[in-house]
């Protein structure tokens, strides 16, 4: 798999909208519903994503626990993480993220941030 974006969000509609919008822009996207599914995916692939879009509040494994698990793995710790959240600034700031985007999201802002981290990945 070429460079891709990993989207982790438990909100089906938002996750599908993000994935669809990024695919329209020419990106390859893997979408999962919680942090545990994301860790399973990352352990089963050789190619890390160029960026991870991570929701903070999710069942099974939330964004904070996922990020902590990611930082414990040297081969994954350097992947840029964009936190997407409806939580307040204090909760969002407690997670080590490259960028924080607050919900409701503006898709153009998401695409701009993705382009910063994956400039050569779109096939547009």
PDB file of N, CA and C in Angstrom:
ATOM      1  N   UNK A   1       0.855  -1.190   0.000  1.00  0.00           N
ATOM      2  CA  UNK A   1       0.000   0.000   0.000  1.00  0.00           C
ATOM      3  C   UNK A   1       0.893   1.243   0.000  1.00  0.00           C
ATOM      4  N   UNK A   2       0.613   2.169  -0.862  1.00  0.00           N
ATOM      5  CA  UNK A   2       1.363   3.427  -0.906  1.00  0.00           C
ATOM      6  C   UNK A   2       1.033   4.235   0.339  1.00  0.00           C
ATOM      7  N   UNK A   3       1.618   5.414   0.449  1.00  0.00           N
ATOM      8  CA  UNK A   3       1.286   6.268   1.587  1.00  0.00           C
ATOM      9  C   UNK A   3      -0.224   6.412   1.693  1.00  0.00           C
ATOM     10  N   UNK A   4      -0.704   6.411   2.922  1.00  0.00           N
ATOM     11  CA  UNK A   4      -2.142   6.500   3.140  1.00  0.00           C
ATOM     12  C   UNK A   4      -2.414   7.259   4.424  1.00  0.00           C
ATOM     13  N   UNK A   5      -3.682   7.546   4.642  1.00  0.00           N
ATOM     14  CA  UNK A   5      -4.138   8.257   5.829  1.00  0.00           C
ATOM     15  C   UNK A   5      -4.958   7.278   6.664  1.00  0.00           C
ATOM     16  N   UNK A   6      -4.723   7.270   7.962  1.00  0.00           N
ATOM     17  CA  UNK A   6      -5.493   6.437   8.877  1.00  0.00           C
ATOM     18  C   UNK A   6      -6.470   7.336   9.621  1.00  0.00           C
ATOM     19  N   UNK A   7      -7.765   7.065   9.469  1.00  0.00           N
ATOM     20  CA  UNK A   7      -8.821   7.824  10.133  1.00  0.00           C
ATOM     21  C   UNK A   7      -9.416   6.951  11.230  1.00  0.00           C
ATOM     22  N   UNK A   8      -9.422   7.483  12.469  1.00  0.00           N
ATOM     23  CA  UNK A   8      -9.938   6.733  13.613  1.00  0.00           C
ATOM     24  C   UNK A   8     -11.031   7.574  14.266  1.00  0.00           C
ATOM     25  N   UNK A   9     -12.282   7.136  14.117  1.00  0.00           N
ATOM     26  CA  UNK A   9     -13.412   7.864  14.701  1.00  0.00           C
ATOM     27  C   UNK A   9     -14.584   6.907  14.855  1.00  0.00           C
ATOM     28  N   UNK A  10     -15.253   6.968  15.997  1.00  0.00           N
ATOM     29  CA  UNK A  10     -16.380   6.064  16.235  1.00  0.00           C
ATOM     30  C   UNK A  10     -17.684   6.544  15.619  1.00  0.00           C
ATOM     31  N   UNK A  11     -17.746   7.782  15.178  1.00  0.00           N
ATOM     32  CA  UNK A  11     -18.944   8.336  14.549  1.00  0.00           C
ATOM     33  C   UNK A  11     -18.953   7.896  13.080  1.00  0.00           C
ATOM     34  N   UNK A  12     -19.834   6.941  12.762  1.00  0.00           N
ATOM     35  CA  UNK A  12     -19.866   6.367  11.411  1.00  0.00           C
ATOM     36  C   UNK A  12     -20.018   7.430  10.330  1.00  0.00           C
ATOM     37  N   UNK A  13     -20.949   8.349  10.513  1.00  0.00           N
ATOM     38  CA  UNK A  13     -21.190   9.365   9.488  1.00  0.00           C
ATOM     39  C   UNK A  13     -19.974  10.252   9.284  1.00  0.00           C
ATOM     40  N   UNK A  14     -19.374  10.704  10.361  1.00  0.00           N
ATOM     41  CA  UNK A  14     -18.199  11.567  10.244  1.00  0.00           C
ATOM     42  C   UNK A  14     -17.033  10.803   9.638  1.00  0.00           C
ATOM     43  N   UNK A  15     -16.812   9.584  10.103  1.00  0.00           N
ATOM     44  CA  UNK A  15     -15.704   8.771   9.588  1.00  0.00           C
ATOM     45  C   UNK A  15     -15.857   8.559   8.081  1.00  0.00           C
ATOM     46  N   UNK A  16     -17.058   8.186   7.655  1.00  0.00           N
ATOM     47  CA  UNK A  16     -17.293   7.960   6.223  1.00  0.00           C
ATOM     48  C   UNK A  16     -17.146   9.252   5.422  1.00  0.00           C
ATOM     49  N   UNK A  17     -17.622  10.369   5.976  1.00  0.00           N
ATOM     50  CA  UNK A  17     -17.498  11.655   5.282  1.00  0.00           C
ATOM     51  C   UNK A  17     -16.028  12.046   5.117  1.00  0.00           C
ATOM     52  N   UNK A  18     -15.245  11.867   6.174  1.00  0.00           N
ATOM     53  CA  UNK A  18     -13.809  12.175   6.093  1.00  0.00           C
ATOM     54  C   UNK A  18     -13.128  11.277   5.066  1.00  0.00           C
ATOM     55  N   UNK A  19     -13.415   9.997   5.138  1.00  0.00           N
ATOM     56  CA  UNK A  19     -12.792   9.054   4.211  1.00  0.00           C
ATOM     57  C   UNK A  19     -13.166   9.358   2.764  1.00  0.00           C
ATOM     58  N   UNK A  20     -14.439   9.615   2.525  1.00  0.00           N
ATOM     59  CA  UNK A  20     -14.896   9.944   1.171  1.00  0.00           C
ATOM     60  C   UNK A  20     -14.237  11.219   0.655  1.00  0.00           C
ATOM     61  N   UNK A  21     -14.189  12.258   1.491  1.00  0.00           N
ATOM     62  CA  UNK A  21     -13.608  13.535   1.070  1.00  0.00           C
ATOM     63  C   UNK A  21     -12.123  13.381   0.751  1.00  0.00           C
ATOM     64  N   UNK A  22     -11.408  12.617   1.549  1.00  0.00           N
ATOM     65  CA  UNK A  22      -9.977  12.421   1.308  1.00  0.00           C
ATOM     66  C   UNK A  22      -9.737  11.569   0.063  1.00  0.00           C
ATOM     67  N   UNK A  23     -10.590  10.576  -0.157  1.00  0.00           N
ATOM     68  CA  UNK A  23     -10.464   9.761  -1.369  1.00  0.00           C
ATOM     69  C   UNK A  23     -10.738  10.587  -2.620  1.00  0.00           C
ATOM     70  N   UNK A  24     -11.704  11.500  -2.547  1.00  0.00           N
ATOM     71  CA  UNK A  24     -11.987  12.398  -3.679  1.00  0.00           C
ATOM     72  C   UNK A  24     -10.751  13.243  -4.008  1.00  0.00           C
ATOM     73  N   UNK A  25      -9.979  13.588  -2.968  1.00  0.00           N
ATOM     74  CA  UNK A  25      -8.753  14.366  -3.161  1.00  0.00           C
ATOM     75  C   UNK A  25      -7.604  13.521  -3.695  1.00  0.00           C
ATOM     76  N   UNK A  26      -7.826  12.207  -3.824  1.00  0.00           N
ATOM     77  CA  UNK A  26      -6.813  11.328  -4.393  1.00  0.00           C
ATOM     78  C   UNK A  26      -5.998  10.546  -3.383  1.00  0.00           C
ATOM     79  N   UNK A  27      -6.347  10.618  -2.115  1.00  0.00           N
ATOM     80  CA  UNK A  27      -5.612   9.893  -1.083  1.00  0.00           C
ATOM     81  C   UNK A  27      -6.147   8.480  -0.898  1.00  0.00           C
ATOM     82  N   UNK A  28      -5.260   7.578  -0.503  1.00  0.00           N
ATOM     83  CA  UNK A  28      -5.686   6.270  -0.046  1.00  0.00           C
ATOM     84  C   UNK A  28      -5.983   6.428   1.442  1.00  0.00           C
ATOM     85  N   UNK A  29      -7.075   5.832   1.892  1.00  0.00           N
ATOM     86  CA  UNK A  29      -7.526   6.023   3.266  1.00  0.00           C
ATOM     87  C   UNK A  29      -7.920   4.683   3.875  1.00  0.00           C
ATOM     88  N   UNK A  30      -7.505   4.479   5.128  1.00  0.00           N
ATOM     89  CA  UNK A  30      -7.966   3.342   5.920  1.00  0.00           C
ATOM     90  C   UNK A  30      -8.765   3.935   7.071  1.00  0.00           C
ATOM     91  N   UNK A  31      -9.988   3.442   7.259  1.00  0.00           N
ATOM     92  CA  UNK A  31     -10.881   3.998   8.276  1.00  0.00           C
ATOM     93  C   UNK A  31     -11.254   2.923   9.281  1.00  0.00           C
ATOM     94  N   UNK A  32     -11.102   3.253  10.567  1.00  0.00           N
ATOM     95  CA  UNK A  32     -11.450   2.316  11.638  1.00  0.00           C
ATOM     96  C   UNK A  32     -12.240   3.049  12.717  1.00  0.00           C
ATOM     97  N   UNK A  33     -12.935   2.272  13.559  1.00  0.00           N
ATOM     98  CA  UNK A  33     -13.899   2.859  14.484  1.00  0.00           C
ATOM     99  C   UNK A  33     -13.377   3.136  15.890  1.00  0.00           C
ATOM    100  N   UNK A  34     -12.182   2.665  16.238  1.00  0.00           N
ATOM    101  CA  UNK A  34     -11.625   2.955  17.567  1.00  0.00           C
ATOM    102  C   UNK A  34     -10.127   2.644  17.582  1.00  0.00           C
ATOM    103  N   UNK A  35      -9.487   3.053  18.671  1.00  0.00           N
ATOM    104  CA  UNK A  35      -8.042   2.908  18.770  1.00  0.00           C
ATOM    105  C   UNK A  35      -7.537   1.480  18.706  1.00  0.00           C
ATOM    106  N   UNK A  36      -8.267   0.535  19.302  1.00  0.00           N
ATOM    107  CA  UNK A  36      -7.823  -0.862  19.275  1.00  0.00           C
ATOM    108  C   UNK A  36      -7.799  -1.394  17.841  1.00  0.00           C
ATOM    109  N   UNK A  37      -8.802  -1.048  17.051  1.00  0.00           N
ATOM    110  CA  UNK A  37      -8.829  -1.465  15.644  1.00  0.00           C
ATOM    111  C   UNK A  37      -7.668  -0.826  14.880  1.00  0.00           C
ATOM    112  N   UNK A  38      -7.336   0.409  15.226  1.00  0.00           N
ATOM    113  CA  UNK A  38      -6.216   1.098  14.582  1.00  0.00           C
ATOM    114  C   UNK A  38      -4.896   0.414  14.918  1.00  0.00           C
ATOM    115  N   UNK A  39      -4.711   0.040  16.179  1.00  0.00           N
ATOM    116  CA  UNK A  39      -3.481  -0.668  16.563  1.00  0.00           C
ATOM    117  C   UNK A  39      -3.386  -2.010  15.850  1.00  0.00           C
ATOM    118  N   UNK A  40      -4.506  -2.715  15.746  1.00  0.00           N
ATOM    119  CA  UNK A  40      -4.521  -3.987  15.004  1.00  0.00           C
ATOM    120  C   UNK A  40      -4.082  -3.765  13.564  1.00  0.00           C
ATOM    121  N   UNK A  41      -4.620  -2.720  12.950  1.00  0.00           N
ATOM    122  CA  UNK A  41      -4.252  -2.409  11.566  1.00  0.00           C
ATOM    123  C   UNK A  41      -2.757  -2.110  11.462  1.00  0.00           C
ATOM    124  N   UNK A  42      -2.250  -1.247  12.342  1.00  0.00           N
ATOM    125  CA  UNK A  42      -0.846  -0.854  12.279  1.00  0.00           C
ATOM    126  C   UNK A  42       0.096  -2.041  12.498  1.00  0.00           C
ATOM    127  N   UNK A  43      -0.317  -2.999  13.299  1.00  0.00           N
ATOM    128  CA  UNK A  43       0.509  -4.183  13.545  1.00  0.00           C
ATOM    129  C   UNK A  43       0.471  -5.151  12.368  1.00  0.00           C
ATOM    130  N   UNK A  44      -0.545  -5.041  11.530  1.00  0.00           N
ATOM    131  CA  UNK A  44      -0.694  -5.981  10.413  1.00  0.00           C
ATOM    132  C   UNK A  44      -0.174  -5.430   9.089  1.00  0.00           C
ATOM    133  N   UNK A  45       0.400  -4.232   9.093  1.00  0.00           N
ATOM    134  CA  UNK A  45       0.889  -3.638   7.855  1.00  0.00           C
ATOM    135  C   UNK A  45       2.341  -3.220   8.006  1.00  0.00           C
ATOM    136  N   UNK A  46       3.074  -3.268   6.919  1.00  0.00           N
ATOM    137  CA  UNK A  46       4.473  -2.830   6.923  1.00  0.00           C
ATOM    138  C   UNK A  46       4.597  -1.319   6.733  1.00  0.00           C
ATOM    139  N   UNK A  47       3.623  -0.737   6.046  1.00  0.00           N
ATOM    140  CA  UNK A  47       3.672   0.678   5.679  1.00  0.00           C
ATOM    141  C   UNK A  47       2.899   1.521   6.691  1.00  0.00           C
ATOM    142  N   UNK A  48       3.562   2.434   7.380  1.00  0.00           N
ATOM    143  CA  UNK A  48       2.820   3.321   8.290  1.00  0.00           C
ATOM    144  C   UNK A  48       2.094   4.409   7.493  1.00  0.00           C
ATOM    145  N   UNK A  49       1.034   4.952   8.048  1.00  0.00           N
ATOM    146  CA  UNK A  49       0.340   6.056   7.371  1.00  0.00           C
ATOM    147  C   UNK A  49       1.195   7.317   7.408  1.00  0.00           C
ATOM    148  N   UNK A  50       0.936   8.241   6.489  1.00  0.00           N
ATOM    149  CA  UNK A  50       1.663   9.512   6.505  1.00  0.00           C
ATOM    150  C   UNK A  50       1.091  10.443   7.566  1.00  0.00           C
ATOM    151  N   UNK A  51      -0.156  10.200   7.978  1.00  0.00           N
ATOM    152  CA  UNK A  51      -0.782  10.975   9.048  1.00  0.00           C
ATOM    153  C   UNK A  51      -1.950  10.165   9.612  1.00  0.00           C
ATOM    154  N   UNK A  52      -2.238  10.400  10.889  1.00  0.00           N
ATOM    155  CA  UNK A  52      -3.389   9.769  11.538  1.00  0.00           C
ATOM    156  C   UNK A  52      -4.354  10.862  11.973  1.00  0.00           C
ATOM    157  N   UNK A  53      -5.626  10.731  11.586  1.00  0.00           N
ATOM    158  CA  UNK A  53      -6.688  11.608  12.078  1.00  0.00           C
ATOM    159  C   UNK A  53      -7.365  10.861  13.213  1.00  0.00           C
ATOM    160  N   UNK A  54      -7.286  11.388  14.421  1.00  0.00           N
ATOM    161  CA  UNK A  54      -7.662  10.661  15.626  1.00  0.00           C
ATOM    162  C   UNK A  54      -8.724  11.387  16.427  1.00  0.00           C
ATOM    163  N   UNK A  55      -9.865  10.720  16.622  1.00  0.00           N
ATOM    164  CA  UNK A  55     -10.902  11.226  17.515  1.00  0.00           C
ATOM    165  C   UNK A  55     -10.424  11.006  18.948  1.00  0.00           C
ATOM    166  N   UNK A  56     -10.852  11.864  19.857  1.00  0.00           N
ATOM    167  CA  UNK A  56     -10.443  11.735  21.254  1.00  0.00           C
ATOM    168  C   UNK A  56     -11.365  10.809  22.032  1.00  0.00           C
ATOM    169  N   UNK A  57     -12.672  11.029  21.920  1.00  0.00           N
ATOM    170  CA  UNK A  57     -13.634  10.270  22.726  1.00  0.00           C
ATOM    171  C   UNK A  57     -14.250   9.145  21.893  1.00  0.00           C
ATOM    172  N   UNK A  58     -13.867   7.889  22.233  1.00  0.00           N
ATOM    173  CA  UNK A  58     -14.358   6.701  21.531  1.00  0.00           C
ATOM    174  C   UNK A  58     -14.478   5.562  22.524  1.00  0.00           C
ATOM    175  N   UNK A  59     -15.372   4.601  22.249  1.00  0.00           N
ATOM    176  CA  UNK A  59     -15.439   3.402  23.088  1.00  0.00           C
ATOM    177  C   UNK A  59     -14.271   2.463  22.754  1.00  0.00           C
ATOM    178  N   UNK A  60     -14.133   1.415  23.486  1.00  0.00           N
ATOM    179  CA  UNK A  60     -13.130   0.356  23.342  1.00  0.00           C
ATOM    180  C   UNK A  60     -11.734   0.884  23.686  1.00  0.00           C
ATOM    181  N   UNK A  61     -11.192   1.786  22.870  1.00  0.00           N
ATOM    182  CA  UNK A  61      -9.917   2.444  23.152  1.00  0.00           C
ATOM    183  C   UNK A  61     -10.029   3.868  22.654  1.00  0.00           C
ATOM    184  N   UNK A  62      -9.957   4.826  23.583  1.00  0.00           N
ATOM    185  CA  UNK A  62     -10.112   6.230  23.185  1.00  0.00           C
ATOM    186  C   UNK A  62      -8.817   6.775  22.590  1.00  0.00           C
ATOM    187  N   UNK A  63      -8.882   8.005  22.119  1.00  0.00           N
ATOM    188  CA  UNK A  63      -7.742   8.621  21.463  1.00  0.00           C
ATOM    189  C   UNK A  63      -6.530   8.763  22.359  1.00  0.00           C
ATOM    190  N   UNK A  64      -6.749   9.081  23.620  1.00  0.00           N
ATOM    191  CA  UNK A  64      -5.643   9.244  24.566  1.00  0.00           C
ATOM    192  C   UNK A  64      -4.891   7.924  24.746  1.00  0.00           C
ATOM    193  N   UNK A  65      -5.630   6.834  24.975  1.00  0.00           N
ATOM    194  CA  UNK A  65      -4.998   5.520  25.156  1.00  0.00           C
ATOM    195  C   UNK A  65      -4.297   5.065  23.869  1.00  0.00           C
ATOM    196  N   UNK A  66      -4.907   5.331  22.727  1.00  0.00           N
ATOM    197  CA  UNK A  66      -4.281   4.980  21.457  1.00  0.00           C
ATOM    198  C   UNK A  66      -2.968   5.733  21.291  1.00  0.00           C
ATOM    199  N   UNK A  67      -2.987   7.034  21.551  1.00  0.00           N
ATOM    200  CA  UNK A  67      -1.780   7.851  21.387  1.00  0.00           C
ATOM    201  C   UNK A  67      -0.675   7.383  22.330  1.00  0.00           C
ATOM    202  N   UNK A  68      -1.028   7.042  23.557  1.00  0.00           N
ATOM    203  CA  UNK A  68      -0.029   6.536  24.501  1.00  0.00           C
ATOM    204  C   UNK A  68       0.584   5.234  23.985  1.00  0.00           C
ATOM    205  N   UNK A  69      -0.258   4.344  23.449  1.00  0.00           N
ATOM    206  CA  UNK A  69       0.233   3.087  22.900  1.00  0.00           C
ATOM    207  C   UNK A  69       1.138   3.333  21.688  1.00  0.00           C
ATOM    208  N   UNK A  70       0.787   4.308  20.863  1.00  0.00           N
ATOM    209  CA  UNK A  70       1.590   4.652  19.691  1.00  0.00           C
ATOM    210  C   UNK A  70       2.965   5.160  20.111  1.00  0.00           C
ATOM    211  N   UNK A  71       2.994   6.017  21.123  1.00  0.00           N
ATOM    212  CA  UNK A  71       4.255   6.599  21.583  1.00  0.00           C
ATOM    213  C   UNK A  71       5.178   5.568  22.224  1.00  0.00           C
ATOM    214  N   UNK A  72       4.627   4.447  22.660  1.00  0.00           N
ATOM    215  CA  UNK A  72       5.441   3.380  23.244  1.00  0.00           C
ATOM    216  C   UNK A  72       6.140   2.541  22.180  1.00  0.00           C
ATOM    217  N   UNK A  73       5.766   2.716  20.927  1.00  0.00           N
ATOM    218  CA  UNK A  73       6.352   1.945  19.827  1.00  0.00           C
ATOM    219  C   UNK A  73       7.234   2.878  18.991  1.00  0.00           C
ATOM    220  N   UNK A  74       8.557   2.744  19.109  1.00  0.00           N
ATOM    221  CA  UNK A  74       9.469   3.659  18.395  1.00  0.00           C
ATOM    222  C   UNK A  74       9.207   3.742  16.893  1.00  0.00           C
ATOM    223  N   UNK A  75       8.812   2.617  16.281  1.00  0.00           N
ATOM    224  CA  UNK A  75       8.586   2.613  14.829  1.00  0.00           C
ATOM    225  C   UNK A  75       7.311   3.359  14.431  1.00  0.00           C
ATOM    226  N   UNK A  76       6.434   3.643  15.398  1.00  0.00           N
ATOM    227  CA  UNK A  76       5.171   4.339  15.114  1.00  0.00           C
ATOM    228  C   UNK A  76       5.085   5.720  15.768  1.00  0.00           C
ATOM    229  N   UNK A  77       5.945   5.973  16.724  1.00  0.00           N
ATOM    230  CA  UNK A  77       5.851   7.201  17.528  1.00  0.00           C
ATOM    231  C   UNK A  77       5.982   8.480  16.708  1.00  0.00           C
ATOM    232  N   UNK A  78       6.676   8.421  15.595  1.00  0.00           N
ATOM    233  CA  UNK A  78       6.906   9.622  14.796  1.00  0.00           C
ATOM    234  C   UNK A  78       5.808   9.959  13.800  1.00  0.00           C
ATOM    235  N   UNK A  79       4.784   9.135  13.700  1.00  0.00           N
ATOM    236  CA  UNK A  79       3.692   9.411  12.756  1.00  0.00           C
ATOM    237  C   UNK A  79       2.940  10.650  13.238  1.00  0.00           C
ATOM    238  N   UNK A  80       2.754  11.648  12.373  1.00  0.00           N
ATOM    239  CA  UNK A  80       1.984  12.832  12.785  1.00  0.00           C
ATOM    240  C   UNK A  80       0.542  12.449  13.129  1.00  0.00           C
ATOM    241  N   UNK A  81       0.045  13.013  14.216  1.00  0.00           N
ATOM    242  CA  UNK A  81      -1.316  12.738  14.672  1.00  0.00           C
ATOM    243  C   UNK A  81      -2.092  14.045  14.725  1.00  0.00           C
ATOM    244  N   UNK A  82      -3.218  14.071  14.016  1.00  0.00           N
ATOM    245  CA  UNK A  82      -4.124  15.218  14.042  1.00  0.00           C
ATOM    246  C   UNK A  82      -5.306  14.814  14.898  1.00  0.00           C
ATOM    247  N   UNK A  83      -5.448  15.463  16.023  1.00  0.00           N
ATOM    248  CA  UNK A  83      -6.543  15.171  16.940  1.00  0.00           C
ATOM    249  C   UNK A  83      -7.796  15.893  16.451  1.00  0.00           C
ATOM    250  N   UNK A  84      -8.891  15.154  16.288  1.00  0.00           N
ATOM    251  CA  UNK A  84     -10.171  15.748  15.909  1.00  0.00           C
ATOM    252  C   UNK A  84     -11.127  15.505  17.073  1.00  0.00           C
ATOM    253  N   UNK A  85     -11.627  16.591  17.658  1.00  0.00           N
ATOM    254  CA  UNK A  85     -12.358  16.424  18.903  1.00  0.00           C
ATOM    255  C   UNK A  85     -13.408  17.494  19.135  1.00  0.00           C
ATOM    256  N   UNK A  86     -14.421  17.104  19.895  1.00  0.00           N
ATOM    257  CA  UNK A  86     -15.422  18.054  20.374  1.00  0.00           C
ATOM    258  C   UNK A  86     -15.121  18.437  21.813  1.00  0.00           C
ATOM    259  N   UNK A  87     -14.093  17.811  22.389  1.00  0.00           N
ATOM    260  CA  UNK A  87     -13.713  18.101  23.776  1.00  0.00           C
ATOM    261  C   UNK A  87     -13.130  19.503  23.873  1.00  0.00           C
ATOM    262  N   UNK A  88     -13.134  20.029  25.061  1.00  0.00           N
ATOM    263  CA  UNK A  88     -12.575  21.358  25.297  1.00  0.00           C
ATOM    264  C   UNK A  88     -11.071  21.387  25.123  1.00  0.00           C
ATOM    265  N   UNK A  89     -10.509  22.592  25.091  1.00  0.00           N
ATOM    266  CA  UNK A  89      -9.071  22.759  24.869  1.00  0.00           C
ATOM    267  C   UNK A  89      -8.200  22.037  25.898  1.00  0.00           C
ATOM    268  N   UNK A  90      -8.651  21.994  27.145  1.00  0.00           N
ATOM    269  CA  UNK A  90      -7.852  21.349  28.196  1.00  0.00           C
ATOM    270  C   UNK A  90      -7.720  19.850  27.928  1.00  0.00           C
ATOM    271  N   UNK A  91      -8.835  19.193  27.597  1.00  0.00           N
ATOM    272  CA  UNK A  91      -8.805  17.761  27.300  1.00  0.00           C
ATOM    273  C   UNK A  91      -7.974  17.485  26.053  1.00  0.00           C
ATOM    274  N   UNK A  92      -8.141  18.304  25.032  1.00  0.00           N
ATOM    275  CA  UNK A  92      -7.396  18.121  23.788  1.00  0.00           C
ATOM    276  C   UNK A  92      -5.899  18.318  24.014  1.00  0.00           C
ATOM    277  N   UNK A  93      -5.542  19.296  24.824  1.00  0.00           N
ATOM    278  CA  UNK A  93      -4.129  19.591  25.069  1.00  0.00           C
ATOM    279  C   UNK A  93      -3.441  18.487  25.859  1.00  0.00           C
ATOM    280  N   UNK A  94      -4.214  17.621  26.515  1.00  0.00           N
ATOM    281  CA  UNK A  94      -3.622  16.554  27.312  1.00  0.00           C
ATOM    282  C   UNK A  94      -3.121  15.397  26.452  1.00  0.00           C
ATOM    283  N   UNK A  95      -3.386  15.444  25.153  1.00  0.00           N
ATOM    284  CA  UNK A  95      -2.937  14.403  24.233  1.00  0.00           C
ATOM    285  C   UNK A  95      -1.841  14.996  23.348  1.00  0.00           C
ATOM    286  N   UNK A  96      -0.742  14.282  23.236  1.00  0.00           N
ATOM    287  CA  UNK A  96       0.357  14.739  22.395  1.00  0.00           C
ATOM    288  C   UNK A  96      -0.043  14.598  20.925  1.00  0.00           C
ATOM    289  N   UNK A  97      -0.357  15.723  20.298  1.00  0.00           N
ATOM    290  CA  UNK A  97      -0.786  15.701  18.896  1.00  0.00           C
ATOM    291  C   UNK A  97      -0.019  16.761  18.108  1.00  0.00           C
ATOM    292  N   UNK A  98       0.157  16.495  16.832  1.00  0.00           N
ATOM    293  CA  UNK A  98       0.817  17.444  15.946  1.00  0.00           C
ATOM    294  C   UNK A  98      -0.064  18.665  15.736  1.00  0.00           C
ATOM    295  N   UNK A  99      -1.364  18.421  15.557  1.00  0.00           N
ATOM    296  CA  UNK A  99      -2.354  19.463  15.297  1.00  0.00           C
ATOM    297  C   UNK A  99      -3.648  19.067  15.987  1.00  0.00           C
ATOM    298  N   UNK A 100      -4.427  20.052  16.405  1.00  0.00           N
ATOM    299  CA  UNK A 100      -5.742  19.793  16.984  1.00  0.00           C
ATOM    300  C   UNK A 100      -6.783  20.529  16.154  1.00  0.00           C
ATOM    301  N   UNK A 101      -7.781  19.791  15.672  1.00  0.00           N
ATOM    302  CA  UNK A 101      -8.918  20.370  14.959  1.00  0.00           C
ATOM    303  C   UNK A 101     -10.160  20.109  15.788  1.00  0.00           C
ATOM    304  N   UNK A 102     -10.941  21.148  16.020  1.00  0.00           N
ATOM    305  CA  UNK A 102     -12.138  21.005  16.848  1.00  0.00           C
ATOM    306  C   UNK A 102     -13.374  20.789  15.978  1.00  0.00           C
ATOM    307  N   UNK A 103     -14.246  19.901  16.469  1.00  0.00           N
ATOM    308  CA  UNK A 103     -15.527  19.651  15.805  1.00  0.00           C
ATOM    309  C   UNK A 103     -16.481  20.781  16.162  1.00  0.00           C
ATOM    310  N   UNK A 104     -17.389  21.162  15.272  1.00  0.00           N
ATOM    311  CA  UNK A 104     -17.594  20.586  13.943  1.00  0.00           C
ATOM    312  C   UNK A 104     -16.432  20.932  13.007  1.00  0.00           C
ATOM    313  N   UNK A 105     -16.040  19.952  12.213  1.00  0.00           N
ATOM    314  CA  UNK A 105     -14.904  20.108  11.311  1.00  0.00           C
ATOM    315  C   UNK A 105     -15.298  20.824  10.036  1.00  0.00           C
ATOM    316  N   UNK A 106     -14.358  21.550   9.509  1.00  0.00           N
ATOM    317  CA  UNK A 106     -14.477  22.105   8.153  1.00  0.00           C
ATOM    318  C   UNK A 106     -13.569  21.242   7.291  1.00  0.00           C
ATOM    319  N   UNK A 107     -14.151  20.589   6.306  1.00  0.00           N
ATOM    320  CA  UNK A 107     -13.396  19.622   5.515  1.00  0.00           C
ATOM    321  C   UNK A 107     -12.178  20.261   4.848  1.00  0.00           C
ATOM    322  N   UNK A 108     -12.287  21.523   4.450  1.00  0.00           N
ATOM    323  CA  UNK A 108     -11.132  22.190   3.827  1.00  0.00           C
ATOM    324  C   UNK A 108      -9.968  22.295   4.802  1.00  0.00           C
ATOM    325  N   UNK A 109     -10.257  22.519   6.093  1.00  0.00           N
ATOM    326  CA  UNK A 109      -9.191  22.574   7.098  1.00  0.00           C
ATOM    327  C   UNK A 109      -8.522  21.206   7.244  1.00  0.00           C
ATOM    328  N   UNK A 110      -9.333  20.149   7.228  1.00  0.00           N
ATOM    329  CA  UNK A 110      -8.791  18.794   7.340  1.00  0.00           C
ATOM    330  C   UNK A 110      -7.882  18.502   6.147  1.00  0.00           C
ATOM    331  N   UNK A 111      -8.350  18.816   4.955  1.00  0.00           N
ATOM    332  CA  UNK A 111      -7.562  18.560   3.745  1.00  0.00           C
ATOM    333  C   UNK A 111      -6.268  19.365   3.759  1.00  0.00           C
ATOM    334  N   UNK A 112      -6.322  20.609   4.211  1.00  0.00           N
ATOM    335  CA  UNK A 112      -5.097  21.429   4.294  1.00  0.00           C
ATOM    336  C   UNK A 112      -4.074  20.795   5.226  1.00  0.00           C
ATOM    337  N   UNK A 113      -4.522  20.313   6.379  1.00  0.00           N
ATOM    338  CA  UNK A 113      -3.609  19.680   7.340  1.00  0.00           C
ATOM    339  C   UNK A 113      -3.051  18.388   6.758  1.00  0.00           C
ATOM    340  N   UNK A 114      -3.882  17.602   6.102  1.00  0.00           N
ATOM    341  CA  UNK A 114      -3.415  16.359   5.491  1.00  0.00           C
ATOM    342  C   UNK A 114      -2.361  16.671   4.431  1.00  0.00           C
ATOM    343  N   UNK A 115      -2.589  17.681   3.624  1.00  0.00           N
ATOM    344  CA  UNK A 115      -1.613  18.046   2.578  1.00  0.00           C
ATOM    345  C   UNK A 115      -0.259  18.410   3.176  1.00  0.00           C
ATOM    346  N   UNK A 116      -0.258  19.016   4.367  1.00  0.00           N
ATOM    347  CA  UNK A 116       1.008  19.353   5.012  1.00  0.00           C
ATOM    348  C   UNK A 116       1.827  18.099   5.317  1.00  0.00           C
ATOM    349  N   UNK A 117       1.151  17.031   5.707  1.00  0.00           N
ATOM    350  CA  UNK A 117       1.841  15.815   6.120  1.00  0.00           C
ATOM    351  C   UNK A 117       1.977  14.773   5.011  1.00  0.00           C
ATOM    352  N   UNK A 118       1.163  14.875   3.989  1.00  0.00           N
ATOM    353  CA  UNK A 118       1.152  13.893   2.897  1.00  0.00           C
ATOM    354  C   UNK A 118       1.185  14.612   1.548  1.00  0.00           C
ATOM    355  N   UNK A 119       2.168  15.476   1.315  1.00  0.00           N
ATOM    356  CA  UNK A 119       2.132  16.302   0.117  1.00  0.00           C
ATOM    357  C   UNK A 119       2.221  15.530  -1.200  1.00  0.00           C
ATOM    358  N   UNK A 120       2.871  14.368  -1.184  1.00  0.00           N
ATOM    359  CA  UNK A 120       3.054  13.624  -2.428  1.00  0.00           C
ATOM    360  C   UNK A 120       2.172  12.399  -2.534  1.00  0.00           C
ATOM    361  N   UNK A 121       1.210  12.261  -1.606  1.00  0.00           N
ATOM    362  CA  UNK A 121       0.415  11.045  -1.575  1.00  0.00           C
ATOM    363  C   UNK A 121      -0.835  11.092  -2.449  1.00  0.00           C
ATOM    364  N   UNK A 122      -1.368  12.285  -2.686  1.00  0.00           N
ATOM    365  CA  UNK A 122      -2.575  12.383  -3.512  1.00  0.00           C
ATOM    366  C   UNK A 122      -2.206  12.121  -4.969  1.00  0.00           C
ATOM    367  N   UNK A 123      -3.114  11.460  -5.658  1.00  0.00           N
ATOM    368  CA  UNK A 123      -2.870  11.157  -7.067  1.00  0.00           C
ATOM    369  C   UNK A 123      -3.623  12.126  -7.958  1.00  0.00           C
ATOM    370  N   UNK A 124      -3.997  13.274  -7.412  1.00  0.00           N
ATOM    371  CA  UNK A 124      -4.797  14.252  -8.157  1.00  0.00           C
ATOM    372  C   UNK A 124      -3.992  14.904  -9.244  1.00  0.00           C
TER     373      UNK A 124
END
